[in-house]
């Protein structure tokens, strides 16, 4: 069983998927309310990165071991912290760059802990690759959705005519889950 660290912004679905597959999830979020939401979705612990040092909390929670996998959308200055939070043979999967596209990283822990740093995006995949991903989702994830083990978390809905207000809600940072535009 692996220990994963997941941010709330992509985390409502990721937390549910990881726990459904038996992972022990530690989430990071920017408010105590979001941390509670992560725990309600199945995270064993949630760290408010605005008030706590998540590297130290991960060490405490894991008994100094670190986590096996980190799924990160921030990048930038978080990259070094993520590296320090990984366990031996851990993997950092970079899927976004909200905090910047460059980072100063400590090479020592990468070598000494045999870490793997990788990135992924759907944007540059071929139609065959996206088709294979869709087939895997249908095979492996859809049954979890159909059974109700994983459900979409909808924070609120807005009519399409209020798209600007929906964007302001997202930018305000108080959203937990998705914002949906309706026609």
Foldseek 3Di string as FASTA:
>chain_A
DFEEEEEQVPPLQVLLVQVVVPYAYEYEAQDPVLQVVSVVSPHPGYHNVVVDLVLVVLCVVVVNAAGQEYEDADPAACPQSNLSRHGQQHEYEYEHHNNHDDYDHDVVSCVVSVYYYYYDDPVPDDPVVVVVVVVCCVVPPVVCVVVVSRDFDEQEEEEPVCVVVLVVVVVVRPGRTDYYYHD
